Protein backbone atom coordinates (compact mmCIF):
# COMPACT_ATOMS: atom_id res chain seq x y z
CA MET A 1 38.30 8.42 87.49
CA LYS A 2 40.61 5.35 88.11
CA ILE A 3 42.30 4.10 91.11
CA LEU A 4 44.23 1.01 92.22
CA CYS A 5 42.48 -0.70 95.10
CA ASN A 6 44.08 -3.93 96.52
CA GLY A 7 46.00 -4.19 93.14
CA LYS A 8 42.91 -4.11 90.88
CA GLU A 9 42.00 -1.12 88.80
CA LEU A 10 38.45 0.34 89.67
CA GLU A 11 36.70 3.24 87.76
CA LEU A 12 34.87 5.48 90.23
CA GLN A 13 32.96 8.78 89.97
CA PRO A 14 35.01 11.89 90.18
CA ALA A 15 35.40 13.05 93.67
CA ALA A 16 34.20 9.90 95.31
CA THR A 17 35.05 9.62 98.93
CA VAL A 18 36.38 6.64 100.81
CA THR A 19 32.76 5.77 102.09
CA HIS A 20 31.42 5.57 98.61
CA LEU A 21 34.43 3.34 97.57
CA LEU A 22 33.46 0.88 100.48
CA GLY A 23 30.17 0.83 99.59
CA GLU A 24 31.09 0.07 95.71
CA LEU A 25 32.98 -2.82 97.46
CA GLY A 26 30.07 -4.05 99.63
CA LEU A 27 32.02 -3.46 103.01
CA ASP A 28 30.71 -1.96 106.16
CA ARG A 29 32.47 1.19 107.23
CA PRO A 30 33.21 0.08 110.68
CA TYR A 31 34.88 -3.06 110.07
CA ALA A 32 37.10 -1.57 107.12
CA LEU A 33 40.47 -0.34 107.54
CA VAL A 34 41.89 2.03 104.74
CA GLU A 35 45.13 3.08 103.59
CA ARG A 36 45.59 5.66 100.82
CA ASN A 37 48.98 6.29 98.88
CA GLY A 38 50.67 4.34 101.93
CA GLU A 39 48.95 6.52 104.86
CA PRO A 40 46.19 5.19 106.79
CA VAL A 41 42.77 7.24 106.64
CA GLU A 42 41.00 7.11 109.96
CA ARG A 43 37.56 5.89 110.02
CA GLU A 44 35.98 9.23 111.23
CA ARG A 45 37.34 10.98 108.02
CA TYR A 46 36.08 8.38 105.34
CA ASP A 47 33.04 10.69 104.63
CA ARG A 48 35.50 13.57 103.91
CA VAL A 49 38.51 12.15 102.17
CA SER A 50 37.82 12.43 98.44
CA LEU A 51 39.81 10.09 96.29
CA GLU A 52 41.87 11.25 93.35
CA GLU A 53 42.95 9.81 89.80
CA GLY A 54 45.82 7.22 90.29
CA ASP A 55 45.21 6.75 94.09
CA ARG A 56 46.55 3.64 95.63
CA ILE A 57 44.23 2.15 97.93
CA VAL A 58 44.35 -0.65 100.38
CA VAL A 59 41.47 -2.00 102.08
CA ALA A 60 41.63 -4.84 104.84
CA ARG A 61 38.96 -6.25 107.18
CA PRO A 62 40.46 -6.93 110.63
CA VAL A 63 40.27 -10.46 111.72
CA ALA A 64 39.94 -11.30 115.64
CA GLY A 65 41.25 -14.85 116.46
CA GLY A 66 43.80 -16.31 118.60
């Protein structure tokens, strides 16, 4: 299955979850913010949200500073 993640096409196994995607990207789950097709995904749902062909995903890491 192909998705668009941060503007780049990625190939994932069918029914991959947000957690699986973060693992593929090498990101720690608690430190990643995810938006799927323009809607935020709550962290506690990362294991349950299955991605679908053509999904547009934005993954960001919050940065603290001042």
